Amino acid sequence: MGEEELNGTSNAQEATMKENPKLTLLPLIALIFYEVSGGPFGVEDSVKAGGGPLLSLLGFLIFPLLWSVPEALVTAELTTSYPKNGGYVL
């Protein structure tokens, strides 16, 4: 009792003063995977039909790059054709 009065804190105040837990790399990767793909549905079929797990994993790693880089370049090119926000409306 004496220490609580000296420090000016109680157990309830200490509980609210604790820091929030930080999101580390592995849970972040899992969250991104399940948010984007909805889970590992269809992975088994691609391993069976695609020549094994190595080619399937390489495909899962390379295909997003082959898809997103040209998509980003097209988007960047199209945004420069409209100098103002809103296109022809402004």
PDB file of N, CA and C in Angstrom:
ATOM      1  N   MET A   1       0.810  -1.179   0.000  1.00  0.00           N
ATOM      2  CA  MET A   1       0.000   0.000   0.000  1.00  0.00           C
ATOM      3  C   MET A   1       0.858   1.249   0.000  1.00  0.00           C
ATOM      4  N   GLY A   2       1.899   1.235   0.740  1.00  0.00           N
ATOM      5  CA  GLY A   2       2.750   2.401   0.839  1.00  0.00           C
ATOM      6  C   GLY A   2       3.441   2.724  -0.471  1.00  0.00           C
ATOM      7  N   GLU A   3       3.841   1.667  -1.232  1.00  0.00           N
ATOM      8  CA  GLU A   3       4.518   1.905  -2.502  1.00  0.00           C
ATOM      9  C   GLU A   3       3.572   2.500  -3.533  1.00  0.00           C
ATOM     10  N   GLU A   4       2.326   2.024  -3.546  1.00  0.00           N
ATOM     11  CA  GLU A   4       1.365   2.564  -4.497  1.00  0.00           C
ATOM     12  C   GLU A   4       1.147   4.046  -4.254  1.00  0.00           C
ATOM     13  N   GLU A   5       1.087   4.408  -3.011  1.00  0.00           N
ATOM     14  CA  GLU A   5       0.871   5.817  -2.706  1.00  0.00           C
ATOM     15  C   GLU A   5       2.104   6.637  -3.070  1.00  0.00           C
ATOM     16  N   LEU A   6       3.297   6.053  -2.918  1.00  0.00           N
ATOM     17  CA  LEU A   6       4.515   6.784  -3.251  1.00  0.00           C
ATOM     18  C   LEU A   6       4.672   6.945  -4.768  1.00  0.00           C
ATOM     19  N   ASN A   7       4.407   5.874  -5.488  1.00  0.00           N
ATOM     20  CA  ASN A   7       4.554   5.932  -6.943  1.00  0.00           C
ATOM     21  C   ASN A   7       3.393   6.662  -7.604  1.00  0.00           C
ATOM     22  N   GLY A   8       2.258   6.679  -6.980  1.00  0.00           N
ATOM     23  CA  GLY A   8       1.091   7.333  -7.544  1.00  0.00           C
ATOM     24  C   GLY A   8       0.368   6.495  -8.578  1.00  0.00           C
ATOM     25  N   THR A   9       0.659   5.187  -8.664  1.00  0.00           N
ATOM     26  CA  THR A   9      -0.013   4.329  -9.629  1.00  0.00           C
ATOM     27  C   THR A   9      -0.657   3.174  -8.905  1.00  0.00           C
ATOM     28  N   SER A  10      -1.685   2.639  -9.506  1.00  0.00           N
ATOM     29  CA  SER A  10      -2.331   1.444  -8.981  1.00  0.00           C
ATOM     30  C   SER A  10      -2.275   0.364 -10.057  1.00  0.00           C
ATOM     31  N   ASN A  11      -2.794  -0.809  -9.750  1.00  0.00           N
ATOM     32  CA  ASN A  11      -2.781  -1.908 -10.716  1.00  0.00           C
ATOM     33  C   ASN A  11      -3.608  -1.570 -11.950  1.00  0.00           C
ATOM     34  N   ALA A  12      -4.722  -0.890 -11.771  1.00  0.00           N
ATOM     35  CA  ALA A  12      -5.563  -0.524 -12.907  1.00  0.00           C
ATOM     36  C   ALA A  12      -4.844   0.457 -13.820  1.00  0.00           C
ATOM     37  N   GLN A  13      -4.117   1.383 -13.237  1.00  0.00           N
ATOM     38  CA  GLN A  13      -3.385   2.346 -14.053  1.00  0.00           C
ATOM     39  C   GLN A  13      -2.216   1.682 -14.773  1.00  0.00           C
ATOM     40  N   GLU A  14      -1.568   0.724 -14.131  1.00  0.00           N
ATOM     41  CA  GLU A  14      -0.456   0.018 -14.770  1.00  0.00           C
ATOM     42  C   GLU A  14      -0.947  -0.810 -15.949  1.00  0.00           C
ATOM     43  N   ALA A  15      -2.146  -1.372 -15.837  1.00  0.00           N
ATOM     44  CA  ALA A  15      -2.688  -2.174 -16.927  1.00  0.00           C
ATOM     45  C   ALA A  15      -2.981  -1.310 -18.150  1.00  0.00           C
ATOM     46  N   THR A  16      -3.420  -0.084 -17.932  1.00  0.00           N
ATOM     47  CA  THR A  16      -3.710   0.786 -19.068  1.00  0.00           C
ATOM     48  C   THR A  16      -2.453   1.423 -19.635  1.00  0.00           C
ATOM     49  N   MET A  17      -1.375   1.440 -18.883  1.00  0.00           N
ATOM     50  CA  MET A  17      -0.137   2.061 -19.343  1.00  0.00           C
ATOM     51  C   MET A  17       0.730   1.111 -20.165  1.00  0.00           C
ATOM     52  N   LYS A  18       0.382  -0.182 -20.234  1.00  0.00           N
ATOM     53  CA  LYS A  18       1.180  -1.140 -20.999  1.00  0.00           C
ATOM     54  C   LYS A  18       1.106  -0.810 -22.486  1.00  0.00           C
ATOM     55  N   GLU A  19       2.203  -1.058 -23.184  1.00  0.00           N
ATOM     56  CA  GLU A  19       2.252  -0.790 -24.613  1.00  0.00           C
ATOM     57  C   GLU A  19       1.453  -1.836 -25.378  1.00  0.00           C
ATOM     58  N   ASN A  20       0.941  -1.436 -26.528  1.00  0.00           N
ATOM     59  CA  ASN A  20       0.253  -2.374 -27.401  1.00  0.00           C
ATOM     60  C   ASN A  20       1.278  -3.298 -28.039  1.00  0.00           C
ATOM     61  N   PRO A  21       0.928  -4.561 -28.251  1.00  0.00           N
ATOM     62  CA  PRO A  21       1.883  -5.471 -28.891  1.00  0.00           C
ATOM     63  C   PRO A  21       2.113  -5.058 -30.343  1.00  0.00           C
ATOM     64  N   LYS A  22       3.328  -5.229 -30.806  1.00  0.00           N
ATOM     65  CA  LYS A  22       3.704  -4.858 -32.169  1.00  0.00           C
ATOM     66  C   LYS A  22       3.492  -6.037 -33.106  1.00  0.00           C
ATOM     67  N   LEU A  23       3.164  -5.735 -34.350  1.00  0.00           N
ATOM     68  CA  LEU A  23       2.986  -6.748 -35.371  1.00  0.00           C
ATOM     69  C   LEU A  23       4.350  -7.058 -35.976  1.00  0.00           C
ATOM     70  N   THR A  24       4.780  -8.304 -35.841  1.00  0.00           N
ATOM     71  CA  THR A  24       6.091  -8.695 -36.359  1.00  0.00           C
ATOM     72  C   THR A  24       5.971  -9.161 -37.807  1.00  0.00           C
ATOM     73  N   LEU A  25       7.073  -9.563 -38.395  1.00  0.00           N
ATOM     74  CA  LEU A  25       7.120  -9.862 -39.821  1.00  0.00           C
ATOM     75  C   LEU A  25       6.295 -11.092 -40.205  1.00  0.00           C
ATOM     76  N   LEU A  26       6.418 -12.178 -39.477  1.00  0.00           N
ATOM     77  CA  LEU A  26       5.721 -13.406 -39.852  1.00  0.00           C
ATOM     78  C   LEU A  26       4.200 -13.265 -39.771  1.00  0.00           C
ATOM     79  N   PRO A  27       3.634 -12.717 -38.699  1.00  0.00           N
ATOM     80  CA  PRO A  27       2.179 -12.505 -38.708  1.00  0.00           C
ATOM     81  C   PRO A  27       1.726 -11.515 -39.783  1.00  0.00           C
ATOM     82  N   LEU A  28       2.567 -10.542 -40.103  1.00  0.00           N
ATOM     83  CA  LEU A  28       2.224  -9.599 -41.163  1.00  0.00           C
ATOM     84  C   LEU A  28       2.143 -10.305 -42.511  1.00  0.00           C
ATOM     85  N   ILE A  29       3.081 -11.192 -42.783  1.00  0.00           N
ATOM     86  CA  ILE A  29       3.060 -11.954 -44.034  1.00  0.00           C
ATOM     87  C   ILE A  29       1.819 -12.838 -44.090  1.00  0.00           C
ATOM     88  N   ALA A  30       1.479 -13.478 -42.981  1.00  0.00           N
ATOM     89  CA  ALA A  30       0.285 -14.322 -42.946  1.00  0.00           C
ATOM     90  C   ALA A  30      -0.976 -13.499 -43.167  1.00  0.00           C
ATOM     91  N   LEU A  31      -1.060 -12.324 -42.565  1.00  0.00           N
ATOM     92  CA  LEU A  31      -2.228 -11.463 -42.759  1.00  0.00           C
ATOM     93  C   LEU A  31      -2.359 -11.022 -44.214  1.00  0.00           C
ATOM     94  N   ILE A  32      -1.259 -10.651 -44.823  1.00  0.00           N
ATOM     95  CA  ILE A  32      -1.305 -10.231 -46.224  1.00  0.00           C
ATOM     96  C   ILE A  32      -1.717 -11.399 -47.112  1.00  0.00           C
ATOM     97  N   PHE A  33      -1.178 -12.583 -46.850  1.00  0.00           N
ATOM     98  CA  PHE A  33      -1.506 -13.757 -47.663  1.00  0.00           C
ATOM     99  C   PHE A  33      -2.988 -14.083 -47.586  1.00  0.00           C
ATOM    100  N   TYR A  34      -3.534 -14.131 -46.379  1.00  0.00           N
ATOM    101  CA  TYR A  34      -4.942 -14.495 -46.242  1.00  0.00           C
ATOM    102  C   TYR A  34      -5.866 -13.369 -46.684  1.00  0.00           C
ATOM    103  N   GLU A  35      -5.432 -12.122 -46.610  1.00  0.00           N
ATOM    104  CA  GLU A  35      -6.249 -11.004 -47.074  1.00  0.00           C
ATOM    105  C   GLU A  35      -6.323 -10.982 -48.597  1.00  0.00           C
ATOM    106  N   VAL A  36      -5.218 -11.273 -49.258  1.00  0.00           N
ATOM    107  CA  VAL A  36      -5.175 -11.185 -50.712  1.00  0.00           C
ATOM    108  C   VAL A  36      -5.739 -12.437 -51.371  1.00  0.00           C
ATOM    109  N   SER A  37      -5.348 -13.603 -50.916  1.00  0.00           N
ATOM    110  CA  SER A  37      -5.714 -14.823 -51.632  1.00  0.00           C
ATOM    111  C   SER A  37      -6.874 -15.578 -51.013  1.00  0.00           C
ATOM    112  N   GLY A  38      -7.258 -15.251 -49.809  1.00  0.00           N
ATOM    113  CA  GLY A  38      -8.346 -15.973 -49.168  1.00  0.00           C
ATOM    114  C   GLY A  38      -7.907 -17.309 -48.602  1.00  0.00           C
ATOM    115  N   GLY A  39      -6.639 -17.595 -48.606  1.00  0.00           N
ATOM    116  CA  GLY A  39      -6.140 -18.842 -48.047  1.00  0.00           C
ATOM    117  C   GLY A  39      -5.477 -19.701 -49.104  1.00  0.00           C
ATOM    118  N   PRO A  40      -5.020 -20.853 -48.701  1.00  0.00           N
ATOM    119  CA  PRO A  40      -4.264 -21.704 -49.625  1.00  0.00           C
ATOM    120  C   PRO A  40      -5.136 -22.619 -50.478  1.00  0.00           C
ATOM    121  N   PHE A  41      -6.312 -22.145 -50.905  1.00  0.00           N
ATOM    122  CA  PHE A  41      -7.194 -22.980 -51.710  1.00  0.00           C
ATOM    123  C   PHE A  41      -6.645 -23.092 -53.121  1.00  0.00           C
ATOM    124  N   GLY A  42      -6.572 -24.297 -53.637  1.00  0.00           N
ATOM    125  CA  GLY A  42      -6.062 -24.522 -54.973  1.00  0.00           C
ATOM    126  C   GLY A  42      -4.578 -24.803 -55.041  1.00  0.00           C
ATOM    127  N   VAL A  43      -3.879 -24.693 -53.929  1.00  0.00           N
ATOM    128  CA  VAL A  43      -2.439 -24.943 -53.937  1.00  0.00           C
ATOM    129  C   VAL A  43      -2.158 -26.417 -54.202  1.00  0.00           C
ATOM    130  N   GLU A  44      -2.976 -27.284 -53.639  1.00  0.00           N
ATOM    131  CA  GLU A  44      -2.753 -28.717 -53.822  1.00  0.00           C
ATOM    132  C   GLU A  44      -2.873 -29.106 -55.289  1.00  0.00           C
ATOM    133  N   ASP A  45      -3.870 -28.539 -55.974  1.00  0.00           N
ATOM    134  CA  ASP A  45      -4.048 -28.863 -57.389  1.00  0.00           C
ATOM    135  C   ASP A  45      -2.881 -28.357 -58.229  1.00  0.00           C
ATOM    136  N   SER A  46      -2.360 -27.200 -57.887  1.00  0.00           N
ATOM    137  CA  SER A  46      -1.240 -26.678 -58.669  1.00  0.00           C
ATOM    138  C   SER A  46       0.032 -27.475 -58.418  1.00  0.00           C
ATOM    139  N   VAL A  47       0.207 -27.992 -57.224  1.00  0.00           N
ATOM    140  CA  VAL A  47       1.379 -28.831 -56.943  1.00  0.00           C
ATOM    141  C   VAL A  47       1.269 -30.138 -57.711  1.00  0.00           C
ATOM    142  N   LYS A  48       0.063 -30.699 -57.739  1.00  0.00           N
ATOM    143  CA  LYS A  48      -0.142 -31.970 -58.429  1.00  0.00           C
ATOM    144  C   LYS A  48      -0.006 -31.805 -59.947  1.00  0.00           C
ATOM    145  N   ALA A  49      -0.550 -30.737 -60.498  1.00  0.00           N
ATOM    146  CA  ALA A  49      -0.548 -30.558 -61.945  1.00  0.00           C
ATOM    147  C   ALA A  49       0.662 -29.788 -62.455  1.00  0.00           C
ATOM    148  N   GLY A  50       1.339 -29.047 -61.584  1.00  0.00           N
ATOM    149  CA  GLY A  50       2.377 -28.140 -62.055  1.00  0.00           C
ATOM    150  C   GLY A  50       3.788 -28.669 -62.002  1.00  0.00           C
ATOM    151  N   GLY A  51       4.014 -29.880 -61.637  1.00  0.00           N
ATOM    152  CA  GLY A  51       5.368 -30.406 -61.641  1.00  0.00           C
ATOM    153  C   GLY A  51       6.046 -30.420 -60.294  1.00  0.00           C
ATOM    154  N   GLY A  52       5.282 -30.377 -59.226  1.00  0.00           N
ATOM    155  CA  GLY A  52       5.875 -30.481 -57.904  1.00  0.00           C
ATOM    156  C   GLY A  52       5.837 -29.177 -57.137  1.00  0.00           C
ATOM    157  N   PRO A  53       6.292 -29.246 -55.891  1.00  0.00           N
ATOM    158  CA  PRO A  53       6.196 -28.059 -55.037  1.00  0.00           C
ATOM    159  C   PRO A  53       7.154 -26.936 -55.427  1.00  0.00           C
ATOM    160  N   LEU A  54       8.314 -27.274 -55.979  1.00  0.00           N
ATOM    161  CA  LEU A  54       9.278 -26.228 -56.324  1.00  0.00           C
ATOM    162  C   LEU A  54       8.742 -25.320 -57.424  1.00  0.00           C
ATOM    163  N   LEU A  55       8.235 -25.911 -58.488  1.00  0.00           N
ATOM    164  CA  LEU A  55       7.697 -25.099 -59.578  1.00  0.00           C
ATOM    165  C   LEU A  55       6.455 -24.334 -59.144  1.00  0.00           C
ATOM    166  N   SER A  56       5.654 -24.926 -58.275  1.00  0.00           N
ATOM    167  CA  SER A  56       4.464 -24.225 -57.789  1.00  0.00           C
ATOM    168  C   SER A  56       4.846 -23.026 -56.940  1.00  0.00           C
ATOM    169  N   LEU A  57       5.810 -23.198 -56.044  1.00  0.00           N
ATOM    170  CA  LEU A  57       6.250 -22.072 -55.217  1.00  0.00           C
ATOM    171  C   LEU A  57       6.897 -20.979 -56.063  1.00  0.00           C
ATOM    172  N   LEU A  58       7.701 -21.380 -57.041  1.00  0.00           N
ATOM    173  CA  LEU A  58       8.293 -20.380 -57.932  1.00  0.00           C
ATOM    174  C   LEU A  58       7.215 -19.630 -58.711  1.00  0.00           C
ATOM    175  N   GLY A  59       6.207 -20.361 -59.139  1.00  0.00           N
ATOM    176  CA  GLY A  59       5.101 -19.715 -59.841  1.00  0.00           C
ATOM    177  C   GLY A  59       4.347 -18.746 -58.958  1.00  0.00           C
ATOM    178  N   PHE A  60       4.121 -19.130 -57.701  1.00  0.00           N
ATOM    179  CA  PHE A  60       3.419 -18.237 -56.772  1.00  0.00           C
ATOM    180  C   PHE A  60       4.249 -17.007 -56.436  1.00  0.00           C
ATOM    181  N   LEU A  61       5.563 -17.106 -56.514  1.00  0.00           N
ATOM    182  CA  LEU A  61       6.420 -15.960 -56.219  1.00  0.00           C
ATOM    183  C   LEU A  61       6.664 -15.078 -57.445  1.00  0.00           C
ATOM    184  N   ILE A  62       6.749 -15.675 -58.630  1.00  0.00           N
ATOM    185  CA  ILE A  62       7.082 -14.917 -59.831  1.00  0.00           C
ATOM    186  C   ILE A  62       5.847 -14.309 -60.493  1.00  0.00           C
ATOM    187  N   PHE A  63       4.733 -15.023 -60.500  1.00  0.00           N
ATOM    188  CA  PHE A  63       3.536 -14.541 -61.192  1.00  0.00           C
ATOM    189  C   PHE A  63       3.049 -13.184 -60.692  1.00  0.00           C
ATOM    190  N   PRO A  64       3.013 -12.919 -59.387  1.00  0.00           N
ATOM    191  CA  PRO A  64       2.571 -11.577 -58.962  1.00  0.00           C
ATOM    192  C   PRO A  64       3.461 -10.457 -59.493  1.00  0.00           C
ATOM    193  N   LEU A  65       4.757 -10.714 -59.608  1.00  0.00           N
ATOM    194  CA  LEU A  65       5.648  -9.692 -60.167  1.00  0.00           C
ATOM    195  C   LEU A  65       5.382  -9.483 -61.657  1.00  0.00           C
ATOM    196  N   LEU A  66       5.195 -10.583 -62.379  1.00  0.00           N
ATOM    197  CA  LEU A  66       4.913 -10.469 -63.807  1.00  0.00           C
ATOM    198  C   LEU A  66       3.566  -9.804 -64.058  1.00  0.00           C
ATOM    199  N   TRP A  67       2.657  -9.929 -63.120  1.00  0.00           N
ATOM    200  CA  TRP A  67       1.337  -9.325 -63.265  1.00  0.00           C
ATOM    201  C   TRP A  67       1.336  -7.869 -62.813  1.00  0.00           C
ATOM    202  N   SER A  68       1.954  -7.580 -61.681  1.00  0.00           N
ATOM    203  CA  SER A  68       1.795  -6.260 -61.075  1.00  0.00           C
ATOM    204  C   SER A  68       2.704  -5.197 -61.676  1.00  0.00           C
ATOM    205  N   VAL A  69       3.876  -5.554 -62.159  1.00  0.00           N
ATOM    206  CA  VAL A  69       4.775  -4.539 -62.719  1.00  0.00           C
ATOM    207  C   VAL A  69       4.182  -3.913 -63.984  1.00  0.00           C
ATOM    208  N   PRO A  70       3.730  -4.680 -64.975  1.00  0.00           N
ATOM    209  CA  PRO A  70       3.091  -4.033 -66.129  1.00  0.00           C
ATOM    210  C   PRO A  70       1.808  -3.287 -65.753  1.00  0.00           C
ATOM    211  N   GLU A  71       1.060  -3.817 -64.812  1.00  0.00           N
ATOM    212  CA  GLU A  71      -0.163  -3.142 -64.364  1.00  0.00           C
ATOM    213  C   GLU A  71       0.163  -1.790 -63.736  1.00  0.00           C
ATOM    214  N   ALA A  72       1.211  -1.728 -62.949  1.00  0.00           N
ATOM    215  CA  ALA A  72       1.628  -0.465 -62.338  1.00  0.00           C
ATOM    216  C   ALA A  72       2.134   0.514 -63.392  1.00  0.00           C
ATOM    217  N   LEU A  73       2.849   0.019 -64.397  1.00  0.00           N
ATOM    218  CA  LEU A  73       3.340   0.902 -65.456  1.00  0.00           C
ATOM    219  C   LEU A  73       2.196   1.473 -66.294  1.00  0.00           C
ATOM    220  N   VAL A  74       1.202   0.659 -66.593  1.00  0.00           N
ATOM    221  CA  VAL A  74       0.037   1.144 -67.333  1.00  0.00           C
ATOM    222  C   VAL A  74      -0.714   2.186 -66.521  1.00  0.00           C
ATOM    223  N   THR A  75      -0.887   1.935 -65.239  1.00  0.00           N
ATOM    224  CA  THR A  75      -1.575   2.894 -64.376  1.00  0.00           C
ATOM    225  C   THR A  75      -0.807   4.204 -64.290  1.00  0.00           C
ATOM    226  N   ALA A  76       0.499   4.136 -64.170  1.00  0.00           N
ATOM    227  CA  ALA A  76       1.307   5.350 -64.108  1.00  0.00           C
ATOM    228  C   ALA A  76       1.237   6.123 -65.421  1.00  0.00           C
ATOM    229  N   GLU A  77       1.231   5.424 -66.535  1.00  0.00           N
ATOM    230  CA  GLU A  77       1.143   6.093 -67.832  1.00  0.00           C
ATOM    231  C   GLU A  77      -0.216   6.765 -68.015  1.00  0.00           C
ATOM    232  N   LEU A  78      -1.272   6.093 -67.603  1.00  0.00           N
ATOM    233  CA  LEU A  78      -2.604   6.671 -67.757  1.00  0.00           C
ATOM    234  C   LEU A  78      -2.836   7.856 -66.826  1.00  0.00           C
ATOM    235  N   THR A  79      -2.240   7.841 -65.650  1.00  0.00           N
ATOM    236  CA  THR A  79      -2.441   8.964 -64.735  1.00  0.00           C
ATOM    237  C   THR A  79      -1.740  10.220 -65.228  1.00  0.00           C
ATOM    238  N   THR A  80      -0.687  10.082 -66.015  1.00  0.00           N
ATOM    239  CA  THR A  80      -0.028  11.275 -66.550  1.00  0.00           C
ATOM    240  C   THR A  80      -0.818  11.899 -67.692  1.00  0.00           C
ATOM    241  N   SER A  81      -1.732  11.166 -68.298  1.00  0.00           N
ATOM    242  CA  SER A  81      -2.520  11.734 -69.391  1.00  0.00           C
ATOM    243  C   SER A  81      -3.624  12.653 -68.884  1.00  0.00           C
ATOM    244  N   TYR A  82      -3.961  12.579 -67.620  1.00  0.00           N
ATOM    245  CA  TYR A  82      -4.954  13.466 -67.014  1.00  0.00           C
ATOM    246  C   TYR A  82      -4.241  14.349 -65.996  1.00  0.00           C
ATOM    247  N   PRO A  83      -3.902  15.585 -66.363  1.00  0.00           N
ATOM    248  CA  PRO A  83      -3.088  16.409 -65.463  1.00  0.00           C
ATOM    249  C   PRO A  83      -3.805  16.848 -64.196  1.00  0.00           C
ATOM    250  N   LYS A  84      -5.116  16.953 -64.239  1.00  0.00           N
ATOM    251  CA  LYS A  84      -5.860  17.376 -63.054  1.00  0.00           C
ATOM    252  C   LYS A  84      -6.631  16.195 -62.496  1.00  0.00           C
ATOM    253  N   ASN A  85      -6.877  16.221 -61.218  1.00  0.00           N
ATOM    254  CA  ASN A  85      -7.655  15.176 -60.577  1.00  0.00           C
ATOM    255  C   ASN A  85      -9.103  15.291 -61.040  1.00  0.00           C
ATOM    256  N   GLY A  86      -9.648  14.238 -61.585  1.00  0.00           N
ATOM    257  CA  GLY A  86     -11.033  14.241 -62.019  1.00  0.00           C
ATOM    258  C   GLY A  86     -11.196  14.054 -63.514  1.00  0.00           C
ATOM    259  N   GLY A  87     -10.106  14.043 -64.263  1.00  0.00           N
ATOM    260  CA  GLY A  87     -10.185  13.789 -65.692  1.00  0.00           C
ATOM    261  C   GLY A  87     -10.831  14.930 -66.451  1.00  0.00           C
ATOM    262  N   TYR A  88     -11.788  14.618 -67.328  1.00  0.00           N
ATOM    263  CA  TYR A  88     -12.433  15.620 -68.161  1.00  0.00           C
ATOM    264  C   TYR A  88     -13.467  16.438 -67.404  1.00  0.00           C
ATOM    265  N   VAL A  89     -13.801  16.037 -66.203  1.00  0.00           N
ATOM    266  CA  VAL A  89     -14.830  16.735 -65.438  1.00  0.00           C
ATOM    267  C   VAL A  89     -14.364  18.122 -65.049  1.00  0.00           C
ATOM    268  N   LEU A  90     -13.092  18.269 -64.702  1.00  0.00           N
ATOM    269  CA  LEU A  90     -12.584  19.567 -64.238  1.00  0.00           C
ATOM    270  C   LEU A  90     -12.267  20.500 -65.373  1.00  0.00           C
TER     271      LEU A  90
END
